[in-house]
Amino acid sequence: MGGNHTTVTEFILLGFPLGLKIQAVLFGLFSLFYAFTLLGNGVILGLISLDSRLHTPMYFFLSHLAIVDIAYACNTVPQMLVNLLDPASPISYAGCVTQTFLFLTFAHTECLLLVVMSYDRYVAICHPLRYSVIMSWRVCISLAVTSWTIGVLLALVHLILLLPLPFCGPQRVDHFFCEIIAVLKLACADTHINEIMVLAGAVSVLVGPLSSIVISYAHILWAILKIQSGEGRQKAFSTCSSHLCVVGLFYGTAIIMYVGPRYGNPQEQKKYLLLFHSLFNPMLNPFIYSLRNKEVKAALKRMVTKDRSP
């Protein structure tokens, strides 16, 4: 942080430039959504850990997705709520950098987990007789650990490039959390390499995993169409529908954010899309899996019945 620059020790997150009354309403609304996110994903984790019928690879990966969703929300929402109540409340430089690193880690990890979950569904439908052999617990644990490890390493690359940059003001981050592009705009140095790496990371995380998911589901669709009975086809579709909804929400938001047309203020558009990505996606995922999945609903019913019984 050399030269005559003044070292920045904290940032102000501008969040959403709205009136005080609207911000108070948003605080209540977002607090409710945050509670639903923690509760919904917590219930999913509890059911999977307590119900032996859900101790399968599919629900093992779903539990990791629930952990990512909880971590997503806990990383960005509390600071956003603080800023809605007190827009001048600062976040420290260390806190800002940590928030950036964690957000990138969870984003990359979720991408990879969705790919792993699509591979699990591919094996279950296209190779049902070999499913228990191919998706052994050793393989499942290896895939989960690999997803988290790659997520951390990819985020670490951005962190290593971000830390040497000098920040000498302004201190105002035009976002509701320390999003990496918004932070890079405040650096008092050339950030060309950082921006190239962010773009390369976004493209690789979008194109590579999404292509793998599309290929998996192309094989799954072909296998389902060859099933003779309508009941068998419906059962096969039902095992994939929840995952497809989650994939659609996650990648739909990401594609619109990075590839979609730009009208008006692109930075504001990206801000609201990231709000959906950070708050609404994690809240909706457990509801999608519980409402569209008979096994999860049955496990919840058994748990409620068990608690009510003397």
Protein backbone atom coordinates (compact mmCIF):
# COMPACT_ATOMS: atom_id res chain seq x y z
CA MET A 1 0.00 0.00 0.00
CA GLY A 2 2.89 2.30 -0.85
CA GLY A 3 3.18 5.83 -2.20
CA ASN A 4 1.37 8.80 -0.66
CA HIS A 5 -1.95 6.94 -0.58
CA THR A 6 -4.03 6.98 2.58
CA THR A 7 -4.79 3.40 3.57
CA VAL A 8 -8.53 2.66 3.60
CA THR A 9 -9.51 0.74 6.74
CA GLU A 10 -13.26 0.56 6.16
CA PHE A 11 -15.91 0.86 3.46
CA ILE A 12 -19.48 2.14 3.31
CA LEU A 13 -21.93 -0.12 1.45
CA LEU A 14 -24.40 2.09 -0.42
CA GLY A 15 -26.95 -0.71 -0.78
CA PHE A 16 -30.28 0.48 -2.17
CA PRO A 17 -30.69 4.29 -2.45
CA LEU A 18 -34.28 4.44 -1.20
CA GLY A 19 -36.28 6.48 1.30
CA LEU A 20 -36.12 5.72 5.02
CA LYS A 21 -39.69 4.35 5.12
CA ILE A 22 -39.06 2.00 2.20
CA GLN A 23 -35.80 0.86 3.78
CA ALA A 24 -37.65 0.08 7.03
CA VAL A 25 -40.21 -1.98 5.07
CA LEU A 26 -37.40 -3.79 3.22
CA PHE A 27 -35.67 -4.49 6.53
CA GLY A 28 -38.77 -6.28 7.83
CA LEU A 29 -39.34 -8.12 4.55
CA PHE A 30 -35.73 -9.22 4.09
CA SER A 31 -35.50 -10.26 7.75
CA LEU A 32 -38.51 -12.51 7.18
CA PHE A 33 -36.97 -14.00 4.03
CA TYR A 34 -33.69 -14.52 5.89
CA ALA A 35 -35.51 -16.38 8.67
CA PHE A 36 -37.30 -18.55 6.09
CA THR A 37 -33.95 -19.31 4.42
CA LEU A 38 -32.36 -20.48 7.68
CA LEU A 39 -35.48 -22.37 8.77
CA GLY A 40 -36.13 -24.06 5.41
CA ASN A 41 -32.56 -25.19 4.84
CA GLY A 42 -32.22 -26.13 8.52
CA VAL A 43 -35.30 -28.37 8.24
CA ILE A 44 -33.85 -30.02 5.11
CA LEU A 45 -30.55 -30.68 6.94
CA GLY A 46 -32.38 -31.99 10.00
CA LEU A 47 -34.58 -34.37 8.01
CA ILE A 48 -31.64 -35.75 6.03
CA SER A 49 -29.53 -36.33 9.14
CA LEU A 50 -32.34 -37.83 11.27
CA ASP A 51 -34.26 -39.95 8.73
CA SER A 52 -32.33 -43.07 7.66
CA ARG A 53 -34.46 -43.37 4.50
CA LEU A 54 -32.80 -40.18 3.24
CA HIS A 55 -29.26 -41.47 3.75
CA THR A 56 -28.68 -41.78 0.01
CA PRO A 57 -26.25 -40.01 -2.36
CA MET A 58 -28.98 -37.71 -3.71
CA TYR A 59 -29.82 -36.35 -0.26
CA PHE A 60 -26.17 -36.29 0.79
CA PHE A 61 -25.51 -33.78 -2.00
CA LEU A 62 -28.74 -31.95 -1.18
CA SER A 63 -27.49 -31.48 2.40
CA HIS A 64 -24.33 -29.83 1.04
CA LEU A 65 -26.48 -27.58 -1.16
CA ALA A 66 -28.48 -26.59 1.94
CA ILE A 67 -25.22 -25.76 3.78
CA VAL A 68 -24.11 -23.56 0.85
CA ASP A 69 -27.49 -21.79 0.82
CA ILE A 70 -27.30 -21.06 4.56
CA ALA A 71 -23.71 -19.83 4.15
CA TYR A 72 -24.69 -17.65 1.17
CA ALA A 73 -27.39 -15.91 3.17
CA CYS A 74 -25.31 -15.56 6.36
CA ASN A 75 -22.45 -14.02 4.38
CA THR A 76 -24.39 -11.16 2.76
CA VAL A 77 -27.81 -10.62 4.37
CA PRO A 78 -26.87 -9.57 7.97
CA GLN A 79 -24.67 -6.70 6.75
CA MET A 80 -27.38 -5.70 4.26
CA LEU A 81 -29.94 -5.56 7.09
CA VAL A 82 -27.58 -3.45 9.20
CA ASN A 83 -27.17 -0.99 6.31
CA LEU A 84 -30.92 -0.74 5.80
CA LEU A 85 -31.26 0.44 9.41
CA ASP A 86 -28.09 2.54 9.40
CA PRO A 87 -26.84 3.39 5.87
CA ALA A 88 -23.69 5.00 7.30
CA SER A 89 -22.65 1.84 9.17
CA PRO A 90 -19.19 0.85 7.85
CA ILE A 91 -17.67 -2.56 7.15
CA SER A 92 -13.97 -3.03 7.87
CA TYR A 93 -11.46 -3.66 5.08
CA ALA A 94 -10.79 -7.17 6.44
CA GLY A 95 -14.53 -7.84 6.72
CA CYS A 96 -15.10 -6.64 3.16
CA VAL A 97 -12.33 -8.79 1.71
CA THR A 98 -13.55 -11.80 3.70
CA GLN A 99 -17.10 -11.28 2.44
CA THR A 100 -15.84 -11.16 -1.16
CA PHE A 101 -13.81 -14.34 -0.71
CA LEU A 102 -16.67 -16.26 0.94
CA PHE A 103 -19.23 -15.19 -1.66
CA LEU A 104 -16.98 -16.41 -4.49
CA THR A 105 -16.28 -19.65 -2.62
CA PHE A 106 -19.97 -20.44 -2.14
CA ALA A 107 -20.87 -19.42 -5.72
CA HIS A 108 -18.23 -21.72 -7.24
CA THR A 109 -19.07 -24.55 -4.85
CA GLU A 110 -22.79 -24.38 -5.65
CA CYS A 111 -22.05 -24.52 -9.38
CA LEU A 112 -19.99 -27.68 -8.89
CA LEU A 113 -22.52 -29.28 -6.51
CA LEU A 114 -25.27 -28.80 -9.11
CA VAL A 115 -23.08 -30.61 -11.65
CA VAL A 116 -22.45 -33.44 -9.19
CA MET A 117 -26.18 -33.71 -8.47
CA SER A 118 -26.96 -33.92 -12.20
CA TYR A 119 -24.36 -36.71 -12.53
CA ASP A 120 -26.03 -38.53 -9.63
CA ARG A 121 -29.42 -38.33 -11.41
CA TYR A 122 -27.77 -39.49 -14.67
CA VAL A 123 -26.35 -42.60 -13.00
CA ALA A 124 -29.63 -43.30 -11.16
CA ILE A 125 -31.73 -43.22 -14.35
CA CYS A 126 -29.33 -44.35 -17.05
CA HIS A 127 -27.46 -47.01 -15.02
CA PRO A 128 -29.88 -48.03 -12.23
CA LEU A 129 -28.45 -51.54 -11.76
CA ARG A 130 -24.93 -50.19 -11.21
CA TYR A 131 -25.99 -47.13 -9.19
CA SER A 132 -24.89 -48.39 -5.76
CA VAL A 133 -21.50 -49.40 -7.18
CA ILE A 134 -20.82 -46.21 -9.14
CA MET A 135 -22.17 -43.84 -6.47
CA SER A 136 -20.53 -45.47 -3.47
CA TRP A 137 -20.11 -43.42 -0.32
CA ARG A 138 -16.40 -43.09 -1.02
CA VAL A 139 -17.18 -41.56 -4.43
CA CYS A 140 -19.88 -39.27 -2.97
CA ILE A 141 -17.58 -37.93 -0.26
CA SER A 142 -14.78 -37.43 -2.82
CA LEU A 143 -17.11 -35.48 -5.15
CA ALA A 144 -18.36 -33.28 -2.31
CA VAL A 145 -14.86 -32.57 -0.98
CA THR A 146 -13.63 -31.84 -4.52
CA SER A 147 -16.48 -29.37 -5.08
CA TRP A 148 -15.66 -27.46 -1.88
CA THR A 149 -11.90 -27.57 -2.52
CA ILE A 150 -12.16 -26.23 -6.07
CA GLY A 151 -14.60 -23.57 -4.87
CA VAL A 152 -12.11 -22.38 -2.24
CA LEU A 153 -9.12 -22.48 -4.63
CA LEU A 154 -10.89 -20.51 -7.37
CA ALA A 155 -11.93 -17.86 -4.84
CA LEU A 156 -8.38 -17.82 -3.46
CA VAL A 157 -7.05 -16.79 -6.88
CA HIS A 158 -9.23 -13.67 -6.80
CA LEU A 159 -8.28 -12.98 -3.19
CA ILE A 160 -4.53 -13.17 -3.93
CA LEU A 161 -4.96 -10.69 -6.81
CA LEU A 162 -7.17 -8.39 -4.70
CA LEU A 163 -5.06 -8.10 -1.53
CA PRO A 164 -2.04 -6.22 -3.02
CA LEU A 165 -4.27 -3.48 -4.51
CA PRO A 166 -4.09 -0.07 -2.80
CA PHE A 167 -7.36 1.63 -1.77
CA CYS A 168 -7.12 5.37 -1.16
CA GLY A 169 -10.75 6.47 -1.48
CA PRO A 170 -13.54 6.88 -2.15
CA GLN A 171 -14.73 4.38 0.44
CA ARG A 172 -18.27 3.92 -0.90
CA VAL A 173 -19.02 0.51 -2.45
CA ASP A 174 -21.98 0.78 -4.82
CA HIS A 175 -23.54 -2.48 -3.69
CA PHE A 176 -25.30 -4.14 -0.74
CA PHE A 177 -22.26 -6.36 -0.09
CA CYS A 178 -18.59 -6.38 -1.10
CA GLU A 179 -19.11 -7.69 -4.62
CA ILE A 180 -15.71 -8.04 -6.27
CA ILE A 181 -16.30 -5.78 -9.30
CA ALA A 182 -17.77 -3.03 -7.11
CA VAL A 183 -14.71 -3.26 -4.82
CA LEU A 184 -12.23 -3.26 -7.72
CA LYS A 185 -13.69 0.05 -8.96
CA LEU A 186 -12.39 1.70 -5.78
CA ALA A 187 -8.78 0.53 -6.19
CA CYS A 188 -6.09 3.16 -6.86
CA ALA A 189 -4.25 0.92 -9.29
CA ASP A 190 -4.69 -0.89 -12.59
CA THR A 191 -7.24 -3.70 -12.06
CA HIS A 192 -7.19 -4.99 -15.65
CA ILE A 193 -5.81 -8.42 -14.68
CA ASN A 194 -8.33 -8.73 -11.84
CA GLU A 195 -11.24 -7.95 -14.16
CA ILE A 196 -10.01 -10.43 -16.78
CA MET A 197 -9.77 -13.14 -14.12
CA VAL A 198 -13.28 -12.33 -12.83
CA LEU A 199 -14.67 -12.57 -16.38
CA ALA A 200 -12.72 -15.77 -17.09
CA GLY A 201 -13.93 -17.27 -13.82
CA ALA A 202 -17.55 -16.34 -14.53
CA VAL A 203 -17.42 -17.80 -18.04
CA SER A 204 -15.73 -21.02 -16.92
CA VAL A 205 -18.13 -21.49 -14.01
CA LEU A 206 -21.13 -20.85 -16.27
CA VAL A 207 -20.15 -22.59 -19.49
CA GLY A 208 -18.32 -25.66 -18.15
CA PRO A 209 -20.74 -26.81 -15.43
CA LEU A 210 -23.87 -25.83 -17.38
CA SER A 211 -22.64 -27.78 -20.42
CA SER A 212 -22.07 -30.84 -18.21
CA ILE A 213 -25.59 -30.51 -16.77
CA VAL A 214 -27.14 -30.18 -20.24
CA ILE A 215 -25.27 -33.28 -21.46
CA SER A 216 -26.35 -35.25 -18.39
CA TYR A 217 -29.99 -34.32 -18.86
CA ALA A 218 -29.87 -35.06 -22.59
CA HIS A 219 -28.88 -38.64 -21.68
CA ILE A 220 -31.49 -38.72 -18.92
CA LEU A 221 -34.25 -37.55 -21.29
CA TRP A 222 -33.26 -40.17 -23.85
CA ALA A 223 -33.31 -42.89 -21.18
CA ILE A 224 -36.72 -41.73 -19.87
CA LEU A 225 -38.26 -41.73 -23.34
CA LYS A 226 -37.24 -45.39 -23.72
CA ILE A 227 -39.15 -46.37 -20.55
CA GLN A 228 -42.27 -48.26 -21.62
CA SER A 229 -44.69 -47.52 -18.75
CA GLY A 230 -46.14 -44.08 -18.17
CA GLU A 231 -45.81 -44.55 -14.42
CA GLY A 232 -42.10 -45.32 -14.79
CA ARG A 233 -41.56 -42.21 -16.91
CA GLN A 234 -43.43 -40.06 -14.41
CA LYS A 235 -41.38 -41.42 -11.50
CA ALA A 236 -38.14 -40.78 -13.39
CA PHE A 237 -39.20 -37.22 -14.24
CA SER A 238 -40.21 -36.54 -10.63
CA THR A 239 -36.73 -37.45 -9.34
CA CYS A 240 -35.20 -34.81 -11.63
CA SER A 241 -37.78 -32.01 -11.51
CA SER A 242 -36.60 -30.48 -8.21
CA HIS A 243 -32.98 -30.39 -9.33
CA LEU A 244 -33.96 -28.88 -12.70
CA CYS A 245 -35.91 -26.10 -10.95
CA VAL A 246 -32.91 -25.25 -8.76
CA VAL A 247 -30.56 -25.33 -11.77
CA GLY A 248 -32.95 -23.08 -13.70
CA LEU A 249 -33.09 -20.52 -10.88
CA PHE A 250 -29.33 -20.50 -10.30
CA TYR A 251 -28.12 -20.42 -13.90
CA GLY A 252 -31.04 -18.34 -15.15
CA THR A 253 -30.10 -15.53 -12.77
CA ALA A 254 -26.39 -15.87 -13.59
CA ILE A 255 -26.90 -15.88 -17.37
CA ILE A 256 -29.18 -12.83 -17.26
CA MET A 257 -26.61 -11.09 -15.05
CA TYR A 258 -23.57 -11.71 -17.26
CA VAL A 259 -24.99 -12.34 -20.75
CA GLY A 260 -28.41 -10.68 -20.85
CA PRO A 261 -29.19 -7.38 -22.62
CA ARG A 262 -28.28 -4.15 -20.86
CA TYR A 263 -30.90 -1.41 -20.51
CA GLY A 264 -30.79 1.62 -18.21
CA ASN A 265 -28.24 1.16 -15.42
CA PRO A 266 -26.43 -2.21 -15.72
CA GLN A 267 -24.89 -1.84 -12.24
CA GLU A 268 -28.33 -1.43 -10.64
CA GLN A 269 -29.66 -4.42 -12.63
CA LYS A 270 -26.76 -6.56 -11.44
CA LYS A 271 -27.34 -5.44 -7.86
CA TYR A 272 -30.96 -6.59 -7.84
CA LEU A 273 -30.11 -9.85 -9.62
CA LEU A 274 -27.45 -10.58 -7.00
CA LEU A 275 -30.03 -9.82 -4.32
CA PHE A 276 -32.26 -12.50 -5.86
CA HIS A 277 -29.24 -14.81 -6.10
CA SER A 278 -28.13 -14.25 -2.49
CA LEU A 279 -31.49 -14.08 -0.70
CA PHE A 280 -34.33 -15.52 -2.75
CA ASN A 281 -32.56 -18.53 -4.34
CA PRO A 282 -31.41 -19.93 -0.97
CA MET A 283 -34.92 -19.37 0.43
CA LEU A 284 -36.69 -21.03 -2.53
CA ASN A 285 -34.43 -24.09 -2.84
CA PRO A 286 -35.68 -25.96 0.28
CA PHE A 287 -39.31 -25.21 -0.65
CA ILE A 288 -38.73 -26.57 -4.17
CA TYR A 289 -37.26 -29.78 -2.78
CA SER A 290 -39.92 -30.20 -0.10
CA LEU A 291 -42.94 -29.36 -2.27
CA ARG A 292 -41.87 -31.35 -5.33
CA ASN A 293 -40.28 -34.33 -3.60
CA LYS A 294 -42.44 -37.11 -2.14
CA GLU A 295 -39.61 -38.57 -0.05
CA VAL A 296 -38.87 -35.26 1.68
CA LYS A 297 -42.58 -34.66 2.34
CA ALA A 298 -42.92 -38.21 3.70
CA ALA A 299 -39.88 -37.72 5.97
CA LEU A 300 -41.33 -34.43 7.25
CA LYS A 301 -44.69 -36.13 7.90
CA ARG A 302 -43.00 -38.98 9.79
CA MET A 303 -41.04 -36.49 11.89
CA VAL A 304 -44.16 -34.46 12.76
CA THR A 305 -46.16 -37.62 13.54
CA LYS A 306 -43.33 -38.94 15.71
CA ASP A 307 -43.16 -35.68 17.68
CA ARG A 308 -46.91 -35.70 18.31
CA SER A 309 -47.09 -39.32 19.39
CA PRO A 310 -46.94 -39.96 23.20
